[in-house]
Amino acid sequence: MKMHRIAVAGFLALGLVVSAPLAADKLTSGPQPGNKVPGPFHPLNVTGEKAGEKHCLYCQNGTNPVAMIFARQPSQALTKLIKKIDETIAKIDVGEYGYCDSCGVEIGLKRLEARPTATLCIDCKTLDELRERQVAK
């Protein structure tokens, strides 16, 4: 449960850091704060079993909160990030968040704060990067 709180705090902190500079500028496109979105809102799913389909999140989730990421054009980097976030949330749900996929040791708190989607402890990640460099040579 403690790791879950840390992950949520990390995601919220990241959101605050990213949105702070944007808060000074007034939004100029899309629904404005206080405006009601007309009719059902059907975003395009990037990941999951309904990838590539438009989907009514309100129909599925009702009043439960849903995190949405909007982009002008989907990119491989954005898709990869969303998949990592989905995998991290799945790990939180089953109680496996915060443990290294390679050696099973607990991932350090500072590493998780810096990269909430980390799946390897710093030692295993360092070894992984060294192997990648050796193969690239």
C-alpha atoms as a PDB file:
ATOM      1  CA  MET A   1       0.000   0.000   0.000  1.00  0.00           C
ATOM      2  CA  LYS A   2       2.904   2.334   0.801  1.00  0.00           C
ATOM      3  CA  MET A   3       4.378   1.778  -2.669  1.00  0.00           C
ATOM      4  CA  HIS A   4       0.968   2.508  -4.211  1.00  0.00           C
ATOM      5  CA  ARG A   5       0.836   5.872  -2.446  1.00  0.00           C
ATOM      6  CA  ILE A   6       4.363   6.656  -3.569  1.00  0.00           C
ATOM      7  CA  ALA A   7       3.507   5.835  -7.184  1.00  0.00           C
ATOM      8  CA  VAL A   8       0.383   7.968  -7.113  1.00  0.00           C
ATOM      9  CA  ALA A   9       2.319  10.818  -5.518  1.00  0.00           C
ATOM     10  CA  GLY A  10       4.980  10.483  -8.220  1.00  0.00           C
ATOM     11  CA  PHE A  11       2.436  10.632 -11.036  1.00  0.00           C
ATOM     12  CA  LEU A  12       0.730  13.634  -9.413  1.00  0.00           C
ATOM     13  CA  ALA A  13       4.030  15.426  -8.886  1.00  0.00           C
ATOM     14  CA  LEU A  14       4.963  14.824 -12.512  1.00  0.00           C
ATOM     15  CA  GLY A  15       1.605  16.236 -13.577  1.00  0.00           C
ATOM     16  CA  LEU A  16       2.112  19.338 -11.456  1.00  0.00           C
ATOM     17  CA  VAL A  17       5.621  19.916 -12.799  1.00  0.00           C
ATOM     18  CA  VAL A  18       4.491  19.494 -16.400  1.00  0.00           C
ATOM     19  CA  SER A  19       1.287  21.515 -16.037  1.00  0.00           C
ATOM     20  CA  ALA A  20       2.743  24.400 -14.003  1.00  0.00           C
ATOM     21  CA  PRO A  21       4.161  26.277 -17.020  1.00  0.00           C
ATOM     22  CA  LEU A  22       0.974  25.593 -18.967  1.00  0.00           C
ATOM     23  CA  ALA A  23      -1.251  27.014 -16.224  1.00  0.00           C
ATOM     24  CA  ALA A  24      -0.041  30.540 -17.007  1.00  0.00           C
ATOM     25  CA  ASP A  25      -1.274  30.296 -20.606  1.00  0.00           C
ATOM     26  CA  LYS A  26      -4.983  30.306 -21.279  1.00  0.00           C
ATOM     27  CA  LEU A  27      -6.337  27.223 -23.034  1.00  0.00           C
ATOM     28  CA  THR A  28      -7.419  28.112 -26.536  1.00  0.00           C
ATOM     29  CA  SER A  29      -8.756  24.887 -28.015  1.00  0.00           C
ATOM     30  CA  GLY A  30     -11.035  22.100 -26.896  1.00  0.00           C
ATOM     31  CA  PRO A  31     -13.494  22.280 -24.013  1.00  0.00           C
ATOM     32  CA  GLN A  32     -12.721  25.090 -21.593  1.00  0.00           C
ATOM     33  CA  PRO A  33     -12.891  24.739 -17.804  1.00  0.00           C
ATOM     34  CA  GLY A  34     -16.522  24.874 -16.754  1.00  0.00           C
ATOM     35  CA  ASN A  35     -17.867  23.939 -20.203  1.00  0.00           C
ATOM     36  CA  LYS A  36     -19.885  20.780 -20.546  1.00  0.00           C
ATOM     37  CA  VAL A  37     -18.648  18.354 -23.194  1.00  0.00           C
ATOM     38  CA  PRO A  38     -21.517  17.861 -25.644  1.00  0.00           C
ATOM     39  CA  GLY A  39     -22.829  14.304 -25.830  1.00  0.00           C
ATOM     40  CA  PRO A  40     -20.792  11.182 -25.202  1.00  0.00           C
ATOM     41  CA  PHE A  41     -17.072  11.677 -25.571  1.00  0.00           C
ATOM     42  CA  HIS A  42     -15.457   8.851 -27.567  1.00  0.00           C
ATOM     43  CA  PRO A  43     -11.640   8.991 -27.504  1.00  0.00           C
ATOM     44  CA  LEU A  44      -9.535   6.568 -29.545  1.00  0.00           C
ATOM     45  CA  ASN A  45      -8.019   3.751 -27.477  1.00  0.00           C
ATOM     46  CA  VAL A  46      -4.281   3.351 -27.993  1.00  0.00           C
ATOM     47  CA  THR A  47      -3.726   0.341 -25.746  1.00  0.00           C
ATOM     48  CA  GLY A  48      -5.716  -2.531 -24.305  1.00  0.00           C
ATOM     49  CA  GLU A  49      -8.186  -4.943 -25.809  1.00  0.00           C
ATOM     50  CA  LYS A  50     -10.000  -2.143 -27.637  1.00  0.00           C
ATOM     51  CA  ALA A  51      -6.883  -0.567 -29.184  1.00  0.00           C
ATOM     52  CA  GLY A  52      -7.695   1.362 -32.350  1.00  0.00           C
ATOM     53  CA  GLU A  53     -11.401   1.709 -31.520  1.00  0.00           C
ATOM     54  CA  LYS A  54     -13.340   4.708 -30.269  1.00  0.00           C
ATOM     55  CA  HIS A  55     -14.743   4.048 -26.828  1.00  0.00           C
ATOM     56  CA  CYS A  56     -17.157   5.776 -24.459  1.00  0.00           C
ATOM     57  CA  LEU A  57     -15.294   5.997 -21.157  1.00  0.00           C
ATOM     58  CA  TYR A  58     -18.327   7.374 -19.327  1.00  0.00           C
ATOM     59  CA  CYS A  59     -20.406   4.387 -20.476  1.00  0.00           C
ATOM     60  CA  GLN A  60     -17.785   2.024 -19.078  1.00  0.00           C
ATOM     61  CA  ASN A  61     -16.681   3.838 -15.911  1.00  0.00           C
ATOM     62  CA  GLY A  62     -19.625   6.024 -14.905  1.00  0.00           C
ATOM     63  CA  THR A  63     -18.448   8.568 -12.360  1.00  0.00           C
ATOM     64  CA  ASN A  64     -15.194   6.735 -11.565  1.00  0.00           C
ATOM     65  CA  PRO A  65     -12.123   8.800 -12.453  1.00  0.00           C
ATOM     66  CA  VAL A  66     -10.323   8.055 -15.701  1.00  0.00           C
ATOM     67  CA  ALA A  67      -6.948   9.429 -16.768  1.00  0.00           C
ATOM     68  CA  MET A  68      -6.837  10.498 -20.410  1.00  0.00           C
ATOM     69  CA  ILE A  69      -3.919  11.659 -22.494  1.00  0.00           C
ATOM     70  CA  PHE A  70      -4.694  13.761 -25.547  1.00  0.00           C
ATOM     71  CA  ALA A  71      -2.271  14.173 -28.418  1.00  0.00           C
ATOM     72  CA  ARG A  72      -2.598  15.730 -31.850  1.00  0.00           C
ATOM     73  CA  GLN A  73      -1.067  12.616 -33.407  1.00  0.00           C
ATOM     74  CA  PRO A  74      -0.255   9.322 -31.723  1.00  0.00           C
ATOM     75  CA  SER A  75       3.429   8.496 -31.754  1.00  0.00           C
ATOM     76  CA  GLN A  76       5.410   5.392 -30.898  1.00  0.00           C
ATOM     77  CA  ALA A  77       6.919   7.151 -27.881  1.00  0.00           C
ATOM     78  CA  LEU A  78       3.483   8.120 -26.536  1.00  0.00           C
ATOM     79  CA  THR A  79       2.110   4.625 -27.137  1.00  0.00           C
ATOM     80  CA  LYS A  80       5.120   3.123 -25.346  1.00  0.00           C
ATOM     81  CA  LEU A  81       4.618   5.475 -22.370  1.00  0.00           C
ATOM     82  CA  ILE A  82       0.914   4.639 -22.102  1.00  0.00           C
ATOM     83  CA  LYS A  83       1.680   0.919 -22.208  1.00  0.00           C
ATOM     84  CA  LYS A  84       4.283   1.361 -19.451  1.00  0.00           C
ATOM     85  CA  ILE A  85       1.763   3.252 -17.321  1.00  0.00           C
ATOM     86  CA  ASP A  86      -0.839   0.507 -17.911  1.00  0.00           C
ATOM     87  CA  GLU A  87       1.697  -2.153 -16.911  1.00  0.00           C
ATOM     88  CA  THR A  88       2.638  -0.178 -13.789  1.00  0.00           C
ATOM     89  CA  ILE A  89      -1.000   0.166 -12.746  1.00  0.00           C
ATOM     90  CA  ALA A  90      -1.503  -3.579 -13.283  1.00  0.00           C
ATOM     91  CA  LYS A  91       1.498  -4.262 -11.018  1.00  0.00           C
ATOM     92  CA  ILE A  92       0.045  -1.960  -8.365  1.00  0.00           C
ATOM     93  CA  ASP A  93      -3.284  -3.819  -8.561  1.00  0.00           C
ATOM     94  CA  VAL A  94      -1.645  -7.215  -7.907  1.00  0.00           C
ATOM     95  CA  GLY A  95       0.816  -5.930  -5.303  1.00  0.00           C
ATOM     96  CA  GLU A  96       3.970  -6.418  -7.374  1.00  0.00           C
ATOM     97  CA  TYR A  97       4.853  -2.753  -7.857  1.00  0.00           C
ATOM     98  CA  GLY A  98       8.278  -1.643  -6.711  1.00  0.00           C
ATOM     99  CA  TYR A  99      10.107  -4.939  -7.166  1.00  0.00           C
ATOM    100  CA  CYS A 100      12.766  -5.613  -9.805  1.00  0.00           C
ATOM    101  CA  ASP A 101      11.586  -7.832 -12.674  1.00  0.00           C
ATOM    102  CA  SER A 102      15.075  -9.322 -12.980  1.00  0.00           C
ATOM    103  CA  CYS A 103      16.302 -10.036  -9.436  1.00  0.00           C
ATOM    104  CA  GLY A 104      13.184  -9.472  -7.321  1.00  0.00           C
ATOM    105  CA  VAL A 105      14.790  -6.985  -4.953  1.00  0.00           C
ATOM    106  CA  GLU A 106      12.848  -3.866  -3.955  1.00  0.00           C
ATOM    107  CA  ILE A 107      13.477  -0.944  -6.315  1.00  0.00           C
ATOM    108  CA  GLY A 108      14.806   2.075  -4.451  1.00  0.00           C
ATOM    109  CA  LEU A 109      12.393   4.842  -3.489  1.00  0.00           C
ATOM    110  CA  LYS A 110      14.469   7.555  -5.181  1.00  0.00           C
ATOM    111  CA  ARG A 111      14.453   5.582  -8.436  1.00  0.00           C
ATOM    112  CA  LEU A 112      10.666   5.132  -8.295  1.00  0.00           C
ATOM    113  CA  GLU A 113      10.188   8.821  -7.550  1.00  0.00           C
ATOM    114  CA  ALA A 114      12.346   9.717 -10.559  1.00  0.00           C
ATOM    115  CA  ARG A 115      10.834   7.048 -12.831  1.00  0.00           C
ATOM    116  CA  PRO A 116       7.542   5.630 -11.490  1.00  0.00           C
ATOM    117  CA  THR A 117       7.358   3.123 -14.361  1.00  0.00           C
ATOM    118  CA  ALA A 118      10.783   1.587 -13.571  1.00  0.00           C
ATOM    119  CA  THR A 119      10.762  -2.224 -13.728  1.00  0.00           C
ATOM    120  CA  LEU A 120      14.412  -2.839 -12.861  1.00  0.00           C
ATOM    121  CA  CYS A 121      16.461  -1.878  -9.808  1.00  0.00           C
ATOM    122  CA  ILE A 122      19.384   0.442 -10.483  1.00  0.00           C
ATOM    123  CA  ASP A 123      21.925  -2.426 -10.426  1.00  0.00           C
ATOM    124  CA  CYS A 124      20.018  -4.550 -12.968  1.00  0.00           C
ATOM    125  CA  LYS A 125      19.332  -1.510 -15.162  1.00  0.00           C
ATOM    126  CA  THR A 126      23.033  -0.617 -15.134  1.00  0.00           C
ATOM    127  CA  LEU A 127      23.968  -4.192 -16.137  1.00  0.00           C
ATOM    128  CA  ASP A 128      21.282  -4.132 -18.836  1.00  0.00           C
ATOM    129  CA  GLU A 129      22.671  -0.887 -20.289  1.00  0.00           C
ATOM    130  CA  LEU A 130      26.237  -2.266 -20.212  1.00  0.00           C
ATOM    131  CA  ARG A 131      25.082  -5.354 -22.146  1.00  0.00           C
ATOM    132  CA  GLU A 132      23.331  -3.146 -24.695  1.00  0.00           C
ATOM    133  CA  ARG A 133      26.502  -1.114 -25.225  1.00  0.00           C
ATOM    134  CA  GLN A 134      28.603  -4.269 -25.675  1.00  0.00           C
ATOM    135  CA  VAL A 135      26.183  -5.648 -28.274  1.00  0.00           C
ATOM    136  CA  ALA A 136      26.130  -2.309 -30.114  1.00  0.00           C
ATOM    137  CA  LYS A 137      29.939  -2.324 -30.535  1.00  0.00           C
END
